[in-house]
Protein backbone atom coordinates (compact mmCIF):
# COMPACT_ATOMS: atom_id res chain seq x y z
CA MET A 1 46.07 -48.17 -32.23
CA THR A 2 47.13 -46.93 -35.77
CA VAL A 3 45.56 -43.66 -37.03
CA THR A 4 44.27 -43.84 -41.05
CA PRO A 5 43.33 -41.45 -43.67
CA ALA A 6 39.43 -42.83 -42.89
CA ILE A 7 39.49 -42.27 -38.76
CA ALA A 8 41.25 -38.97 -39.10
CA LYS A 9 38.48 -37.65 -41.61
CA ALA A 10 36.06 -38.80 -39.44
CA ARG A 11 37.32 -37.07 -36.18
CA ILE A 12 38.36 -34.16 -38.81
CA ALA A 13 34.46 -34.04 -39.19
CA THR A 14 33.15 -34.52 -35.69
CA ARG A 15 34.96 -32.17 -34.36
CA GLU A 16 34.29 -29.64 -37.25
CA GLU A 17 30.30 -30.75 -36.36
CA GLU A 18 30.99 -29.81 -32.96
CA ILE A 19 32.30 -26.84 -33.92
CA ARG A 20 29.30 -25.65 -36.17
CA ARG A 21 26.71 -26.09 -33.08
CA LEU A 22 28.87 -24.79 -30.21
CA GLU A 23 29.06 -21.42 -33.02
CA ARG A 24 25.45 -21.68 -33.49
CA GLU A 25 25.17 -21.64 -29.41
CA LEU A 26 27.47 -18.68 -29.92
CA ALA A 27 24.96 -16.69 -31.91
CA THR A 28 21.83 -18.08 -29.84
CA ALA A 29 23.80 -16.97 -26.60
CA ARG A 30 24.69 -12.97 -28.38
CA ALA A 31 21.54 -12.14 -29.62
CA ALA A 32 19.99 -13.11 -26.10
CA VAL A 33 22.55 -10.33 -24.18
CA LEU A 34 22.09 -7.74 -26.93
CA SER A 35 18.41 -8.68 -26.30
CA ASP A 36 19.00 -8.24 -22.57
CA ARG A 37 21.08 -5.03 -23.02
CA ARG A 38 18.08 -3.08 -25.05
CA GLU A 39 16.01 -4.39 -22.81
CA LEU A 40 17.83 -3.14 -19.37
CA ALA A 41 18.43 0.26 -21.73
CA ALA A 42 14.85 0.12 -22.05
CA LEU A 43 14.42 0.78 -18.79
CA GLU A 44 17.47 2.69 -16.98
CA THR A 45 15.89 5.40 -19.71
CA PRO A 46 12.77 7.71 -18.65
CA SER A 47 9.87 7.60 -20.61
CA ALA A 48 6.65 10.42 -20.26
CA ALA A 49 4.18 7.60 -21.51
CA THR A 50 5.13 4.89 -19.03
CA GLY A 51 5.37 7.64 -16.26
CA MET A 52 8.35 6.65 -14.34
CA ALA A 53 9.14 10.04 -14.73
CA PHE A 54 8.21 13.13 -13.29
CA ARG A 55 9.16 16.08 -11.56
CA GLU A 56 8.20 17.87 -8.64
CA THR A 57 6.31 20.78 -8.93
CA THR A 58 5.04 23.33 -6.84
CA SER A 59 1.36 22.86 -8.65
CA ARG A 60 1.68 19.23 -7.70
CA SER A 61 2.47 19.22 -4.14
CA LEU A 62 -0.49 21.39 -3.78
CA VAL A 63 -2.58 19.07 -5.71
CA LYS A 64 -0.76 16.33 -3.55
CA ALA A 65 -1.47 18.46 0.16
CA PHE A 66 -4.86 19.55 -0.87
CA GLY A 67 -6.32 15.17 -1.98
CA TRP A 68 -4.92 14.23 1.23
CA ARG A 69 -6.44 16.73 3.34
CA VAL A 70 -9.92 16.02 1.68
CA THR A 71 -9.10 12.93 2.17
CA ALA A 72 -8.62 13.37 6.01
CA GLY A 73 -11.67 15.80 5.59
CA ILE A 74 -13.75 12.90 5.26
CA VAL A 75 -12.23 10.40 8.24
CA THR A 76 -12.26 13.36 10.22
CA PHE A 77 -16.55 13.93 9.33
CA CYS A 78 -17.58 9.83 8.96
CA SER A 79 -15.52 10.13 12.59
CA SER A 80 -17.27 13.31 13.78
CA MET A 81 -20.74 12.30 13.16
CA TYR A 82 -20.98 8.85 14.18
CA PHE A 83 -19.68 10.11 17.35
CA THR A 84 -21.69 12.74 17.50
CA ASN A 85 -25.11 11.99 15.06
CA ASN A 86 -25.20 16.08 14.61
CA LEU A 87 -24.03 17.72 10.93
CA ARG A 88 -23.52 20.49 11.90
CA THR A 89 -21.16 19.68 14.42
CA ALA A 90 -19.43 17.65 12.20
CA LEU A 91 -18.44 20.30 9.73
CA ALA A 92 -17.80 22.45 12.68
CA ILE A 93 -14.84 19.76 13.79
CA VAL A 94 -14.48 19.09 9.49
CA ALA A 95 -13.93 22.82 9.00
CA SER A 96 -11.55 23.23 11.60
CA ASP A 97 -9.38 20.19 11.53
CA PHE A 98 -8.85 21.19 7.53
CA LEU A 99 -8.07 25.36 8.21
CA SER A 100 -5.80 24.51 10.61
CA LYS A 101 -3.97 21.69 9.28
CA SER A 102 -3.88 23.14 5.86
CA GLY A 103 -2.61 26.38 8.21
CA THR A 104 0.03 23.95 10.02
CA MET A 105 1.78 22.59 6.98
CA ARG A 106 2.26 25.58 4.74
CA VAL A 107 3.47 27.65 7.86
CA ARG A 108 6.00 24.67 9.05
CA PRO A 109 9.50 24.70 8.69
CA ARG A 110 10.62 22.97 5.61
CA PRO A 111 13.30 20.47 7.19
CA GLU A 112 13.94 19.02 4.13
CA ALA A 113 15.28 22.36 2.76
CA GLU A 114 17.40 23.39 5.96
CA PHE A 115 18.78 20.00 6.44
CA PRO A 116 19.98 17.67 3.56
CA ASP A 117 19.68 13.94 6.23
CA ALA A 118 15.86 15.39 6.54
CA SER A 119 15.34 14.70 3.08
CA GLU A 120 13.52 11.28 1.93
CA THR A 121 14.65 10.54 -1.77
CA GLU A 122 13.96 6.85 -2.11
CA GLY A 123 10.94 5.89 0.79
CA ILE A 124 12.45 5.29 3.96
CA LEU A 125 15.82 5.76 3.01
CA ARG A 126 18.39 7.50 0.97
CA ASP A 127 20.41 6.68 -1.53
CA ASP A 128 23.28 6.71 1.03
CA GLY A 129 21.24 3.78 3.04
CA ARG A 130 20.75 7.09 6.11
CA SER A 131 17.18 6.96 6.65
CA ALA A 132 14.87 10.49 7.37
CA SER A 133 13.98 9.99 10.66
CA ARG A 134 17.70 10.51 11.58
CA GLY A 135 18.09 12.98 9.89
CA PHE A 136 15.18 14.54 11.44
CA ALA A 137 16.50 13.78 15.08
CA ARG A 138 19.72 15.30 13.61
CA ARG A 139 17.75 18.23 13.36
CA ASP A 140 16.00 18.34 16.77
CA VAL A 141 19.99 18.04 18.03
CA ALA A 142 21.30 20.74 16.51
CA ARG A 143 18.02 23.44 17.49
CA ARG A 144 18.36 21.99 21.23
CA ARG A 145 22.05 22.96 21.29
CA ARG A 146 21.38 26.84 19.76
CA ALA A 147 19.19 27.12 22.06
CA GLY A 148 21.15 25.77 24.78
CA SER A 149 18.54 23.48 26.06
CA SER A 150 21.10 21.06 27.78
CA ALA A 151 20.55 22.07 31.06
CA SER A 152 24.05 20.52 32.49
CA GLY A 153 25.92 21.95 29.71
CA SER A 154 26.29 18.69 28.45
CA SER A 155 25.34 17.65 25.17
CA THR A 156 22.60 15.32 24.49
CA ARG A 157 24.91 12.92 22.98
CA SER A 158 26.59 12.46 26.12
CA ARG A 159 23.20 12.53 28.35
CA TRP A 160 21.75 9.44 26.24
CA ALA A 161 25.51 7.70 26.21
CA GLY A 162 25.51 7.92 30.15
CA ARG A 163 21.73 6.26 30.64
CA ARG A 164 22.78 3.52 28.35
CA THR A 165 26.06 2.99 30.15
CA ALA A 166 23.92 2.32 33.82
CA ARG A 167 21.76 0.28 31.68
CA ALA A 168 24.29 -1.98 29.66
CA SER A 169 26.24 -2.08 33.97
CA ARG A 170 22.85 -3.05 35.23
CA GLY A 171 22.52 -6.63 32.72
CA PRO A 172 19.29 -7.80 30.32
CA SER A 173 15.70 -6.09 31.26
CA PRO A 174 13.55 -9.65 32.19
CA ARG A 175 11.23 -10.56 29.44
CA ARG A 176 7.53 -9.68 29.87
């Protein structure tokens, strides 16, 4: 097939139209990317108006603790009224519970200050994927080692490892 000037002009016109269509699609895609980048920037920037950023201050911590103690007091009051049917006894139980737990919470050691592994930064798991409960367990093991509570002189880890090995040699436990 021979190419005539009319066929060549038609091909060029078709390709130019395709280029214009692709340029419009590219402009639309660029606008969408720009919009997504703005949205991401807005999400990453903490804003006081959205309530995303806050600082854990002493006063905020005290308000939270007091709020939880009041909630626990209400639950304790309802439970004690249900079981005793005596207002005086229920109030005495709530007062003793409130005072003892408030005092205990204030006096207890703060493991997150003493052991960084025991702090929670994002709910249950920390940023590095280690759980807060593992940090508390490490704290307890360290305290036992310092106190010399290991009866046989071996570490807690080796005692547990021995139990695991003995259990593994017996085979799987029967299902109930």
